[in-house]
PDB file of N, CA and C in Angstrom:
ATOM      1  N   ALA A   1     -31.213 -24.054 107.197  1.00  0.00           N
ATOM      2  CA  ALA A   1     -30.571 -23.556 106.405  1.00  0.00           C
ATOM      3  C   ALA A   1     -30.172 -24.793 105.363  1.00  0.00           C
ATOM      4  N   LEU A   2     -30.181 -24.288 104.335  1.00  0.00           N
ATOM      5  CA  LEU A   2     -29.555 -24.891 103.070  1.00  0.00           C
ATOM      6  C   LEU A   2     -28.049 -25.224 103.383  1.00  0.00           C
ATOM      7  N   PRO A   3     -27.795 -26.616 103.160  1.00  0.00           N
ATOM      8  CA  PRO A   3     -26.435 -26.948 103.159  1.00  0.00           C
ATOM      9  C   PRO A   3     -25.378 -26.632 102.174  1.00  0.00           C
ATOM     10  N   ILE A   4     -24.534 -26.433 102.025  1.00  0.00           N
ATOM     11  CA  ILE A   4     -23.600 -25.498 101.387  1.00  0.00           C
ATOM     12  C   ILE A   4     -22.878 -26.817 100.525  1.00  0.00           C
ATOM     13  N   CYS A   5     -23.307 -26.008  99.052  1.00  0.00           N
ATOM     14  CA  CYS A   5     -22.993 -27.370  97.758  1.00  0.00           C
ATOM     15  C   CYS A   5     -21.325 -27.209  97.275  1.00  0.00           C
ATOM     16  N   LEU A   6     -20.923 -27.860  97.495  1.00  0.00           N
ATOM     17  CA  LEU A   6     -18.806 -27.880  97.517  1.00  0.00           C
ATOM     18  C   LEU A   6     -18.743 -28.737  96.023  1.00  0.00           C
ATOM     19  N   VAL A   7     -18.113 -27.873  94.916  1.00  0.00           N
ATOM     20  CA  VAL A   7     -17.427 -28.159  93.984  1.00  0.00           C
ATOM     21  C   VAL A   7     -15.743 -28.551  94.170  1.00  0.00           C
ATOM     22  N   HIS A   8     -15.221 -29.637  93.791  1.00  0.00           N
ATOM     23  CA  HIS A   8     -14.124 -30.041  94.405  1.00  0.00           C
ATOM     24  C   HIS A   8     -12.817 -30.337  92.925  1.00  0.00           C
ATOM     25  N   LEU A   9     -11.992 -29.266  93.007  1.00  0.00           N
ATOM     26  CA  LEU A   9     -11.244 -29.161  91.680  1.00  0.00           C
ATOM     27  C   LEU A   9     -10.090 -29.901  91.905  1.00  0.00           C
ATOM     28  N   MET A  10      -9.102 -30.093  91.224  1.00  0.00           N
ATOM     29  CA  MET A  10      -7.993 -30.726  91.191  1.00  0.00           C
ATOM     30  C   MET A  10      -6.845 -30.369  90.552  1.00  0.00           C
ATOM     31  N   HIS A  11      -5.773 -29.897  90.404  1.00  0.00           N
ATOM     32  CA  HIS A  11      -4.721 -29.455  89.516  1.00  0.00           C
ATOM     33  C   HIS A  11      -4.399 -30.476  88.909  1.00  0.00           C
ATOM     34  N   GLY A  12      -4.427 -29.988  87.655  1.00  0.00           N
ATOM     35  CA  GLY A  12      -4.102 -31.460  86.594  1.00  0.00           C
ATOM     36  C   GLY A  12      -2.624 -31.851  86.798  1.00  0.00           C
ATOM     37  N   GLU A  13      -1.699 -31.045  86.883  1.00  0.00           N
ATOM     38  CA  GLU A  13      -0.419 -31.708  87.418  1.00  0.00           C
ATOM     39  C   GLU A  13       0.290 -31.795  88.675  1.00  0.00           C
ATOM     40  N   THR A  14      -0.337 -31.197  89.899  1.00  0.00           N
ATOM     41  CA  THR A  14       0.434 -31.529  90.744  1.00  0.00           C
ATOM     42  C   THR A  14      -1.045 -32.384  91.704  1.00  0.00           C
ATOM     43  N   PHE A  15      -1.723 -32.635  91.109  1.00  0.00           N
ATOM     44  CA  PHE A  15      -3.406 -32.987  91.843  1.00  0.00           C
ATOM     45  C   PHE A  15      -3.806 -32.882  93.193  1.00  0.00           C
ATOM     46  N   GLU A  16      -3.272 -31.880  93.446  1.00  0.00           N
ATOM     47  CA  GLU A  16      -3.928 -30.666  94.656  1.00  0.00           C
ATOM     48  C   GLU A  16      -5.361 -30.186  94.480  1.00  0.00           C
ATOM     49  N   GLN A  17      -5.825 -30.890  95.280  1.00  0.00           N
ATOM     50  CA  GLN A  17      -7.340 -30.528  95.363  1.00  0.00           C
ATOM     51  C   GLN A  17      -7.713 -29.195  96.407  1.00  0.00           C
ATOM     52  N   ILE A  18      -8.830 -28.922  96.065  1.00  0.00           N
ATOM     53  CA  ILE A  18      -9.235 -27.558  96.576  1.00  0.00           C
ATOM     54  C   ILE A  18     -11.024 -28.050  96.651  1.00  0.00           C
ATOM     55  N   GLU A  19     -11.372 -27.540  97.604  1.00  0.00           N
ATOM     56  CA  GLU A  19     -13.185 -27.276  97.801  1.00  0.00           C
ATOM     57  C   GLU A  19     -13.532 -25.740  97.435  1.00  0.00           C
ATOM     58  N   VAL A  20     -14.372 -25.630  96.717  1.00  0.00           N
ATOM     59  CA  VAL A  20     -14.762 -24.309  96.840  1.00  0.00           C
ATOM     60  C   VAL A  20     -16.556 -24.167  96.733  1.00  0.00           C
ATOM     61  N   PRO A  21     -17.121 -23.136  97.329  1.00  0.00           N
ATOM     62  CA  PRO A  21     -18.555 -23.409  97.208  1.00  0.00           C
ATOM     63  C   PRO A  21     -19.461 -23.109  95.732  1.00  0.00           C
ATOM     64  N   ARG A  22     -20.378 -24.197  95.830  1.00  0.00           N
ATOM     65  CA  ARG A  22     -20.705 -23.819  94.191  1.00  0.00           C
ATOM     66  C   ARG A  22     -21.094 -22.399  93.948  1.00  0.00           C
ATOM     67  N   GLU A  23     -21.231 -21.755  94.773  1.00  0.00           N
ATOM     68  CA  GLU A  23     -21.900 -20.196  94.560  1.00  0.00           C
ATOM     69  C   GLU A  23     -21.181 -19.159  94.162  1.00  0.00           C
ATOM     70  N   ALA A  24     -19.705 -19.691  94.399  1.00  0.00           N
ATOM     71  CA  ALA A  24     -18.644 -18.864  93.783  1.00  0.00           C
ATOM     72  C   ALA A  24     -18.500 -19.025  92.483  1.00  0.00           C
ATOM     73  N   PHE A  25     -19.104 -20.080  91.691  1.00  0.00           N
ATOM     74  CA  PHE A  25     -19.135 -19.945  90.385  1.00  0.00           C
ATOM     75  C   PHE A  25     -20.380 -19.083  89.831  1.00  0.00           C
ATOM     76  N   GLY A  26     -20.924 -18.263  90.679  1.00  0.00           N
ATOM     77  CA  GLY A  26     -22.274 -17.379  90.165  1.00  0.00           C
ATOM     78  C   GLY A  26     -22.865 -17.754  89.130  1.00  0.00           C
ATOM     79  N   GLU A  27     -23.179 -17.620  88.045  1.00  0.00           N
ATOM     80  CA  GLU A  27     -24.332 -17.695  86.827  1.00  0.00           C
ATOM     81  C   GLU A  27     -23.342 -19.194  86.258  1.00  0.00           C
ATOM     82  N   LEU A  28     -22.420 -19.054  86.458  1.00  0.00           N
ATOM     83  CA  LEU A  28     -21.768 -19.932  85.476  1.00  0.00           C
ATOM     84  C   LEU A  28     -21.982 -21.371  86.344  1.00  0.00           C
ATOM     85  N   ALA A  29     -22.177 -21.626  87.353  1.00  0.00           N
ATOM     86  CA  ALA A  29     -22.318 -22.833  88.269  1.00  0.00           C
ATOM     87  C   ALA A  29     -22.627 -23.967  87.117  1.00  0.00           C
ATOM     88  N   VAL A  30     -24.450 -23.499  86.773  1.00  0.00           N
ATOM     89  CA  VAL A  30     -24.885 -24.280  86.031  1.00  0.00           C
ATOM     90  C   VAL A  30     -24.503 -25.142  84.859  1.00  0.00           C
ATOM     91  N   TRP A  31     -23.491 -25.042  84.572  1.00  0.00           N
ATOM     92  CA  TRP A  31     -22.369 -25.629  83.252  1.00  0.00           C
ATOM     93  C   TRP A  31     -21.465 -26.206  83.599  1.00  0.00           C
ATOM     94  N   LEU A  32     -20.852 -26.494  85.020  1.00  0.00           N
ATOM     95  CA  LEU A  32     -20.152 -26.774  85.591  1.00  0.00           C
ATOM     96  C   LEU A  32     -20.159 -28.737  85.344  1.00  0.00           C
ATOM     97  N   ARG A  33     -19.508 -29.315  84.891  1.00  0.00           N
ATOM     98  CA  ARG A  33     -19.526 -30.720  84.618  1.00  0.00           C
ATOM     99  C   ARG A  33     -18.245 -31.561  85.056  1.00  0.00           C
ATOM    100  N   ASP A  34     -18.740 -32.761  85.703  1.00  0.00           N
ATOM    101  CA  ASP A  34     -17.399 -33.740  86.272  1.00  0.00           C
ATOM    102  C   ASP A  34     -16.478 -33.629  85.290  1.00  0.00           C
ATOM    103  N   GLY A  35     -15.255 -33.388  85.365  1.00  0.00           N
ATOM    104  CA  GLY A  35     -14.181 -33.735  84.462  1.00  0.00           C
ATOM    105  C   GLY A  35     -13.792 -32.676  83.676  1.00  0.00           C
ATOM    106  N   MET A  36     -14.431 -31.212  84.113  1.00  0.00           N
ATOM    107  CA  MET A  36     -14.509 -30.421  83.168  1.00  0.00           C
ATOM    108  C   MET A  36     -12.775 -29.246  83.674  1.00  0.00           C
ATOM    109  N   SER A  37     -12.038 -28.801  82.405  1.00  0.00           N
ATOM    110  CA  SER A  37     -10.849 -27.817  83.165  1.00  0.00           C
ATOM    111  C   SER A  37     -11.443 -26.766  83.435  1.00  0.00           C
ATOM    112  N   VAL A  38     -11.015 -26.323  84.831  1.00  0.00           N
ATOM    113  CA  VAL A  38     -11.600 -24.693  85.308  1.00  0.00           C
ATOM    114  C   VAL A  38     -10.319 -23.789  85.480  1.00  0.00           C
ATOM    115  N   ARG A  39     -10.166 -23.025  85.060  1.00  0.00           N
ATOM    116  CA  ARG A  39      -8.702 -22.039  85.659  1.00  0.00           C
ATOM    117  C   ARG A  39      -9.459 -21.397  86.500  1.00  0.00           C
ATOM    118  N   VAL A  40      -8.433 -21.528  87.442  1.00  0.00           N
ATOM    119  CA  VAL A  40      -8.514 -20.155  88.733  1.00  0.00           C
ATOM    120  C   VAL A  40      -7.531 -19.478  89.127  1.00  0.00           C
ATOM    121  N   ALA A  41      -7.692 -18.238  89.169  1.00  0.00           N
ATOM    122  CA  ALA A  41      -6.779 -17.502  89.631  1.00  0.00           C
ATOM    123  C   ALA A  41      -7.236 -17.217  91.288  1.00  0.00           C
ATOM    124  N   SER A  42      -6.007 -17.206  92.016  1.00  0.00           N
ATOM    125  CA  SER A  42      -5.950 -17.473  93.594  1.00  0.00           C
ATOM    126  C   SER A  42      -4.916 -16.135  93.674  1.00  0.00           C
ATOM    127  N   ARG A  43      -5.009 -15.790  94.741  1.00  0.00           N
ATOM    128  CA  ARG A  43      -4.236 -14.540  95.704  1.00  0.00           C
ATOM    129  C   ARG A  43      -3.724 -15.335  97.108  1.00  0.00           C
ATOM    130  N   GLN A  44      -2.507 -15.465  97.372  1.00  0.00           N
ATOM    131  CA  GLN A  44      -2.115 -16.126  98.557  1.00  0.00           C
ATOM    132  C   GLN A  44      -3.106 -17.152  98.937  1.00  0.00           C
ATOM    133  N   GLY A  45      -3.180 -18.114  97.703  1.00  0.00           N
ATOM    134  CA  GLY A  45      -3.571 -19.167  97.995  1.00  0.00           C
ATOM    135  C   GLY A  45      -5.110 -19.544  98.060  1.00  0.00           C
ATOM    136  N   VAL A  46      -5.602 -18.142  98.104  1.00  0.00           N
ATOM    137  CA  VAL A  46      -7.434 -18.368  97.998  1.00  0.00           C
ATOM    138  C   VAL A  46      -8.024 -18.024  96.350  1.00  0.00           C
ATOM    139  N   PRO A  47      -8.803 -19.018  96.555  1.00  0.00           N
ATOM    140  CA  PRO A  47      -9.259 -19.067  95.073  1.00  0.00           C
ATOM    141  C   PRO A  47      -9.919 -17.860  94.900  1.00  0.00           C
ATOM    142  N   LEU A  48      -9.929 -17.033  93.752  1.00  0.00           N
ATOM    143  CA  LEU A  48     -10.855 -15.760  93.598  1.00  0.00           C
ATOM    144  C   LEU A  48     -11.688 -15.687  92.527  1.00  0.00           C
ATOM    145  N   LEU A  49     -11.140 -15.995  91.132  1.00  0.00           N
ATOM    146  CA  LEU A  49     -11.777 -16.094  89.970  1.00  0.00           C
ATOM    147  C   LEU A  49     -12.000 -17.575  89.032  1.00  0.00           C
ATOM    148  N   PHE A  50     -12.816 -17.724  88.864  1.00  0.00           N
ATOM    149  CA  PHE A  50     -12.923 -19.138  88.447  1.00  0.00           C
ATOM    150  C   PHE A  50     -13.255 -18.858  86.528  1.00  0.00           C
ATOM    151  N   THR A  51     -12.718 -19.436  85.844  1.00  0.00           N
ATOM    152  CA  THR A  51     -12.856 -19.676  84.181  1.00  0.00           C
ATOM    153  C   THR A  51     -13.315 -20.431  83.826  1.00  0.00           C
ATOM    154  N   LEU A  52     -14.559 -20.957  83.061  1.00  0.00           N
ATOM    155  CA  LEU A  52     -14.469 -22.434  82.613  1.00  0.00           C
ATOM    156  C   LEU A  52     -14.143 -22.333  81.107  1.00  0.00           C
ATOM    157  N   PRO A  53     -14.336 -23.179  80.328  1.00  0.00           N
ATOM    158  CA  PRO A  53     -13.812 -23.389  79.071  1.00  0.00           C
ATOM    159  C   PRO A  53     -15.089 -22.574  78.388  1.00  0.00           C
ATOM    160  N   PRO A  54     -14.806 -21.798  77.156  1.00  0.00           N
ATOM    161  CA  PRO A  54     -15.392 -21.081  76.454  1.00  0.00           C
ATOM    162  C   PRO A  54     -17.025 -21.546  75.866  1.00  0.00           C
ATOM    163  N   ARG A  55     -16.725 -23.139  75.372  1.00  0.00           N
ATOM    164  CA  ARG A  55     -17.954 -24.003  74.972  1.00  0.00           C
ATOM    165  C   ARG A  55     -17.886 -25.631  75.922  1.00  0.00           C
ATOM    166  N   ALA A  56     -19.122 -26.085  76.069  1.00  0.00           N
ATOM    167  CA  ALA A  56     -18.897 -27.509  76.967  1.00  0.00           C
ATOM    168  C   ALA A  56     -20.074 -28.127  76.141  1.00  0.00           C
ATOM    169  N   ALA A  57     -19.873 -29.556  76.181  1.00  0.00           N
ATOM    170  CA  ALA A  57     -20.689 -30.371  75.497  1.00  0.00           C
ATOM    171  C   ALA A  57     -21.941 -30.672  76.011  1.00  0.00           C
ATOM    172  N   TYR A  58     -23.384 -30.812  76.013  1.00  0.00           N
ATOM    173  CA  TYR A  58     -24.404 -31.508  77.005  1.00  0.00           C
ATOM    174  C   TYR A  58     -25.503 -32.616  76.455  1.00  0.00           C
ATOM    175  N   GLU A  59     -26.159 -33.287  76.420  1.00  0.00           N
ATOM    176  CA  GLU A  59     -27.026 -33.946  75.583  1.00  0.00           C
ATOM    177  C   GLU A  59     -28.181 -33.285  75.988  1.00  0.00           C
ATOM    178  N   VAL A  60     -29.074 -33.278  74.752  1.00  0.00           N
ATOM    179  CA  VAL A  60     -30.491 -32.879  74.833  1.00  0.00           C
ATOM    180  C   VAL A  60     -31.583 -33.757  75.119  1.00  0.00           C
ATOM    181  N   VAL A  61     -31.899 -33.720  76.548  1.00  0.00           N
ATOM    182  CA  VAL A  61     -32.949 -34.535  76.775  1.00  0.00           C
ATOM    183  C   VAL A  61     -34.545 -34.375  76.927  1.00  0.00           C
ATOM    184  N   GLU A  62     -34.422 -33.064  76.153  1.00  0.00           N
ATOM    185  CA  GLU A  62     -36.265 -32.586  75.899  1.00  0.00           C
ATOM    186  C   GLU A  62     -36.067 -31.921  75.056  1.00  0.00           C
ATOM    187  N   THR A  63     -36.837 -31.814  73.690  1.00  0.00           N
ATOM    188  CA  THR A  63     -37.238 -30.716  73.010  1.00  0.00           C
ATOM    189  C   THR A  63     -38.333 -31.704  71.971  1.00  0.00           C
ATOM    190  N   ARG A  64     -38.974 -30.602  70.630  1.00  0.00           N
ATOM    191  CA  ARG A  64     -39.990 -31.146  70.005  1.00  0.00           C
ATOM    192  C   ARG A  64     -39.416 -31.479  68.909  1.00  0.00           C
ATOM    193  N   LEU A  65     -39.926 -32.401  68.072  1.00  0.00           N
ATOM    194  CA  LEU A  65     -39.515 -32.323  66.692  1.00  0.00           C
ATOM    195  C   LEU A  65     -39.833 -31.032  66.317  1.00  0.00           C
ATOM    196  N   GLY A  66     -38.578 -30.871  65.285  1.00  0.00           N
ATOM    197  CA  GLY A  66     -38.640 -30.001  64.152  1.00  0.00           C
ATOM    198  C   GLY A  66     -39.012 -29.981  63.085  1.00  0.00           C
ATOM    199  N   SER A  67     -40.089 -28.745  62.605  1.00  0.00           N
ATOM    200  CA  SER A  67     -40.792 -28.444  61.336  1.00  0.00           C
ATOM    201  C   SER A  67     -40.959 -27.228  61.485  1.00  0.00           C
ATOM    202  N   ARG A  68     -40.253 -26.944  60.262  1.00  0.00           N
ATOM    203  CA  ARG A  68     -39.993 -25.325  60.284  1.00  0.00           C
ATOM    204  C   ARG A  68     -41.309 -25.020  59.223  1.00  0.00           C
ATOM    205  N   GLU A  69     -42.207 -26.027  58.642  1.00  0.00           N
ATOM    206  CA  GLU A  69     -42.948 -25.436  57.532  1.00  0.00           C
ATOM    207  C   GLU A  69     -44.048 -24.156  58.429  1.00  0.00           C
ATOM    208  N   GLY A  70     -44.084 -23.027  57.543  1.00  0.00           N
ATOM    209  CA  GLY A  70     -45.251 -22.377  58.223  1.00  0.00           C
ATOM    210  C   GLY A  70     -44.673 -21.393  59.263  1.00  0.00           C
ATOM    211  N   LYS A  71     -43.259 -21.841  59.469  1.00  0.00           N
ATOM    212  CA  LYS A  71     -43.064 -20.911  61.072  1.00  0.00           C
ATOM    213  C   LYS A  71     -41.885 -20.062  60.842  1.00  0.00           C
ATOM    214  N   THR A  72     -41.685 -18.620  60.991  1.00  0.00           N
ATOM    215  CA  THR A  72     -40.459 -17.947  60.822  1.00  0.00           C
ATOM    216  C   THR A  72     -39.453 -18.127  62.104  1.00  0.00           C
ATOM    217  N   ASP A  73     -39.854 -18.519  63.358  1.00  0.00           N
ATOM    218  CA  ASP A  73     -38.564 -18.716  64.103  1.00  0.00           C
ATOM    219  C   ASP A  73     -37.731 -19.982  63.714  1.00  0.00           C
ATOM    220  N   ALA A  74     -36.595 -19.522  63.689  1.00  0.00           N
ATOM    221  CA  ALA A  74     -35.402 -20.697  63.533  1.00  0.00           C
ATOM    222  C   ALA A  74     -34.910 -21.720  64.575  1.00  0.00           C
ATOM    223  N   SER A  75     -35.675 -21.215  66.025  1.00  0.00           N
ATOM    224  CA  SER A  75     -35.035 -22.165  66.763  1.00  0.00           C
ATOM    225  C   SER A  75     -36.430 -22.756  67.205  1.00  0.00           C
ATOM    226  N   LYS A  76     -35.988 -23.685  68.459  1.00  0.00           N
ATOM    227  CA  LYS A  76     -37.028 -24.110  69.006  1.00  0.00           C
ATOM    228  C   LYS A  76     -36.679 -24.531  70.757  1.00  0.00           C
ATOM    229  N   PRO A  77     -37.242 -24.467  71.683  1.00  0.00           N
ATOM    230  CA  PRO A  77     -37.208 -25.206  72.743  1.00  0.00           C
ATOM    231  C   PRO A  77     -36.109 -26.243  73.180  1.00  0.00           C
ATOM    232  N   ALA A  78     -35.358 -26.695  74.310  1.00  0.00           N
ATOM    233  CA  ALA A  78     -34.809 -27.640  74.385  1.00  0.00           C
ATOM    234  C   ALA A  78     -34.088 -27.767  75.879  1.00  0.00           C
ATOM    235  N   VAL A  79     -34.045 -28.809  76.708  1.00  0.00           N
ATOM    236  CA  VAL A  79     -33.878 -28.834  77.932  1.00  0.00           C
ATOM    237  C   VAL A  79     -32.327 -29.834  77.720  1.00  0.00           C
ATOM    238  N   LEU A  80     -31.350 -29.402  78.256  1.00  0.00           N
ATOM    239  CA  LEU A  80     -30.069 -30.061  78.622  1.00  0.00           C
ATOM    240  C   LEU A  80     -30.513 -31.091  79.529  1.00  0.00           C
ATOM    241  N   SER A  81     -28.847 -32.115  79.790  1.00  0.00           N
ATOM    242  CA  SER A  81     -28.734 -32.847  80.753  1.00  0.00           C
ATOM    243  C   SER A  81     -28.409 -32.395  82.095  1.00  0.00           C
ATOM    244  N   ASN A  82     -27.982 -31.043  82.329  1.00  0.00           N
ATOM    245  CA  ASN A  82     -27.846 -30.219  83.428  1.00  0.00           C
ATOM    246  C   ASN A  82     -29.056 -29.877  84.172  1.00  0.00           C
ATOM    247  N   GLY A  83     -30.219 -30.067  83.004  1.00  0.00           N
ATOM    248  CA  GLY A  83     -31.253 -29.370  83.765  1.00  0.00           C
ATOM    249  C   GLY A  83     -32.098 -27.435  82.889  1.00  0.00           C
ATOM    250  N   GLU A  84     -30.427 -27.617  82.152  1.00  0.00           N
ATOM    251  CA  GLU A  84     -31.046 -26.056  81.693  1.00  0.00           C
ATOM    252  C   GLU A  84     -31.528 -25.976  80.389  1.00  0.00           C
ATOM    253  N   ALA A  85     -32.505 -24.767  80.167  1.00  0.00           N
ATOM    254  CA  ALA A  85     -33.459 -24.445  78.978  1.00  0.00           C
ATOM    255  C   ALA A  85     -32.712 -23.669  78.005  1.00  0.00           C
ATOM    256  N   LEU A  86     -32.569 -24.111  77.018  1.00  0.00           N
ATOM    257  CA  LEU A  86     -31.974 -22.722  75.952  1.00  0.00           C
ATOM    258  C   LEU A  86     -33.064 -23.365  74.378  1.00  0.00           C
ATOM    259  N   ARG A  87     -32.477 -22.252  73.462  1.00  0.00           N
ATOM    260  CA  ARG A  87     -33.104 -22.430  72.016  1.00  0.00           C
ATOM    261  C   ARG A  87     -32.055 -23.250  71.202  1.00  0.00           C
ATOM    262  N   VAL A  88     -32.712 -24.079  70.128  1.00  0.00           N
ATOM    263  CA  VAL A  88     -31.682 -25.051  69.453  1.00  0.00           C
ATOM    264  C   VAL A  88     -32.547 -24.879  68.483  1.00  0.00           C
ATOM    265  N   PRO A  89     -31.436 -25.035  66.950  1.00  0.00           N
ATOM    266  CA  PRO A  89     -32.232 -25.256  65.658  1.00  0.00           C
ATOM    267  C   PRO A  89     -33.141 -26.195  65.789  1.00  0.00           C
ATOM    268  N   HIS A  90     -33.942 -26.167  64.691  1.00  0.00           N
ATOM    269  CA  HIS A  90     -34.800 -27.545  64.524  1.00  0.00           C
ATOM    270  C   HIS A  90     -34.340 -28.935  63.984  1.00  0.00           C
ATOM    271  N   PHE A  91     -33.173 -28.638  63.501  1.00  0.00           N
ATOM    272  CA  PHE A  91     -32.743 -30.291  63.599  1.00  0.00           C
ATOM    273  C   PHE A  91     -31.904 -30.855  64.459  1.00  0.00           C
ATOM    274  N   VAL A  92     -32.089 -30.186  65.779  1.00  0.00           N
ATOM    275  CA  VAL A  92     -31.564 -30.974  66.777  1.00  0.00           C
ATOM    276  C   VAL A  92     -32.567 -31.800  67.179  1.00  0.00           C
ATOM    277  N   ALA A  93     -32.189 -33.242  67.739  1.00  0.00           N
ATOM    278  CA  ALA A  93     -33.508 -33.784  68.589  1.00  0.00           C
ATOM    279  C   ALA A  93     -32.840 -34.389  70.018  1.00  0.00           C
ATOM    280  N   VAL A  94     -33.733 -35.228  70.396  1.00  0.00           N
ATOM    281  CA  VAL A  94     -33.349 -35.662  71.823  1.00  0.00           C
ATOM    282  C   VAL A  94     -32.225 -36.861  71.767  1.00  0.00           C
ATOM    283  N   GLY A  95     -31.076 -36.574  72.641  1.00  0.00           N
ATOM    284  CA  GLY A  95     -30.113 -37.430  72.305  1.00  0.00           C
ATOM    285  C   GLY A  95     -29.114 -36.934  71.736  1.00  0.00           C
ATOM    286  N   ASP A  96     -29.018 -35.757  70.996  1.00  0.00           N
ATOM    287  CA  ASP A  96     -27.830 -34.975  70.297  1.00  0.00           C
ATOM    288  C   ASP A  96     -27.012 -34.398  71.418  1.00  0.00           C
ATOM    289  N   ARG A  97     -25.562 -34.366  71.177  1.00  0.00           N
ATOM    290  CA  ARG A  97     -24.869 -33.736  72.054  1.00  0.00           C
ATOM    291  C   ARG A  97     -24.596 -32.290  71.294  1.00  0.00           C
ATOM    292  N   ILE A  98     -25.173 -31.515  72.133  1.00  0.00           N
ATOM    293  CA  ILE A  98     -24.577 -30.213  71.362  1.00  0.00           C
ATOM    294  C   ILE A  98     -23.519 -29.181  72.374  1.00  0.00           C
ATOM    295  N   LEU A  99     -22.492 -28.446  71.780  1.00  0.00           N
ATOM    296  CA  LEU A  99     -21.892 -27.566  72.319  1.00  0.00           C
ATOM    297  C   LEU A  99     -22.525 -26.049  72.989  1.00  0.00           C
ATOM    298  N   VAL A 100     -22.650 -25.782  74.137  1.00  0.00           N
ATOM    299  CA  VAL A 100     -22.928 -24.827  74.591  1.00  0.00           C
ATOM    300  C   VAL A 100     -22.346 -23.204  74.871  1.00  0.00           C
ATOM    301  N   ASN A 101     -22.508 -22.337  74.541  1.00  0.00           N
ATOM    302  CA  ASN A 101     -21.538 -21.125  74.997  1.00  0.00           C
ATOM    303  C   ASN A 101     -21.495 -21.013  76.338  1.00  0.00           C
ATOM    304  N   THR A 102     -20.546 -21.418  77.047  1.00  0.00           N
ATOM    305  CA  THR A 102     -20.882 -21.431  78.637  1.00  0.00           C
ATOM    306  C   THR A 102     -20.731 -19.873  79.235  1.00  0.00           C
ATOM    307  N   GLU A 103     -20.629 -18.952  78.678  1.00  0.00           N
ATOM    308  CA  GLU A 103     -20.473 -17.331  78.938  1.00  0.00           C
ATOM    309  C   GLU A 103     -21.720 -16.956  78.964  1.00  0.00           C
ATOM    310  N   ASP A 104     -22.986 -17.293  77.936  1.00  0.00           N
ATOM    311  CA  ASP A 104     -24.175 -16.666  77.935  1.00  0.00           C
ATOM    312  C   ASP A 104     -25.386 -18.019  77.800  1.00  0.00           C
ATOM    313  N   GLY A 105     -24.647 -19.004  77.545  1.00  0.00           N
ATOM    314  CA  GLY A 105     -26.133 -20.156  77.615  1.00  0.00           C
ATOM    315  C   GLY A 105     -26.463 -20.252  76.431  1.00  0.00           C
ATOM    316  N   THR A 106     -26.003 -20.306  75.451  1.00  0.00           N
ATOM    317  CA  THR A 106     -26.287 -19.982  73.874  1.00  0.00           C
ATOM    318  C   THR A 106     -25.941 -21.321  73.122  1.00  0.00           C
ATOM    319  N   TYR A 107     -26.579 -21.653  71.979  1.00  0.00           N
ATOM    320  CA  TYR A 107     -26.109 -22.950  71.354  1.00  0.00           C
ATOM    321  C   TYR A 107     -25.122 -22.578  70.679  1.00  0.00           C
ATOM    322  N   TYR A 108     -24.091 -23.302  70.076  1.00  0.00           N
ATOM    323  CA  TYR A 108     -22.977 -23.422  69.731  1.00  0.00           C
ATOM    324  C   TYR A 108     -22.993 -24.207  68.459  1.00  0.00           C
ATOM    325  N   GLY A 109     -23.227 -25.118  68.415  1.00  0.00           N
ATOM    326  CA  GLY A 109     -23.162 -26.054  67.000  1.00  0.00           C
ATOM    327  C   GLY A 109     -23.056 -27.946  67.724  1.00  0.00           C
ATOM    328  N   LYS A 110     -23.550 -28.566  67.027  1.00  0.00           N
ATOM    329  CA  LYS A 110     -23.500 -29.657  67.335  1.00  0.00           C
ATOM    330  C   LYS A 110     -22.034 -30.211  67.795  1.00  0.00           C
ATOM    331  N   ALA A 111     -21.603 -31.198  68.841  1.00  0.00           N
ATOM    332  CA  ALA A 111     -20.637 -31.826  69.666  1.00  0.00           C
ATOM    333  C   ALA A 111     -20.384 -32.817  68.629  1.00  0.00           C
ATOM    334  N   GLY A 112     -18.909 -32.773  68.153  1.00  0.00           N
ATOM    335  CA  GLY A 112     -18.352 -33.712  67.524  1.00  0.00           C
ATOM    336  C   GLY A 112     -17.600 -35.138  68.303  1.00  0.00           C
ATOM    337  N   PRO A 113     -17.553 -36.268  67.946  1.00  0.00           N
ATOM    338  CA  PRO A 113     -17.141 -37.399  69.237  1.00  0.00           C
ATOM    339  C   PRO A 113     -15.746 -36.599  69.865  1.00  0.00           C
ATOM    340  N   GLY A 114     -15.889 -37.062  71.237  1.00  0.00           N
ATOM    341  CA  GLY A 114     -14.699 -36.187  72.135  1.00  0.00           C
ATOM    342  C   GLY A 114     -14.896 -35.120  72.364  1.00  0.00           C
ATOM    343  N   GLU A 115     -15.836 -34.420  71.983  1.00  0.00           N
ATOM    344  CA  GLU A 115     -15.904 -32.941  71.750  1.00  0.00           C
ATOM    345  C   GLU A 115     -16.385 -32.485  73.273  1.00  0.00           C
ATOM    346  N   GLY A 116     -16.154 -31.928  74.236  1.00  0.00           N
ATOM    347  CA  GLY A 116     -17.218 -31.561  75.189  1.00  0.00           C
ATOM    348  C   GLY A 116     -16.439 -31.487  76.577  1.00  0.00           C
TER     349      GLY A 116
END
């Protein structure tokens, strides 16, 4: 059997910590990052629903050089620092930090300093 991967969450004011199986986040688990603010809805102390920020920043670790000459497609494939693949505009380069919509995994824009 595979080991259960736990996510450690800490309340921002009380510093109370809980452990939650990564699987509880479903498809959103790929967008989890250290230090990310996660909303937790619980009932009788049991966490039931998790909400990630609408957007989060990730570094582009792989993509091809962008050239739109003769191309009708306005995007190209890229791989992010969390291993996820998505399509980005041609001006995005390896090393760029971009914002991703965590709900659907789509490109939102370039991340500014301190964003994400």
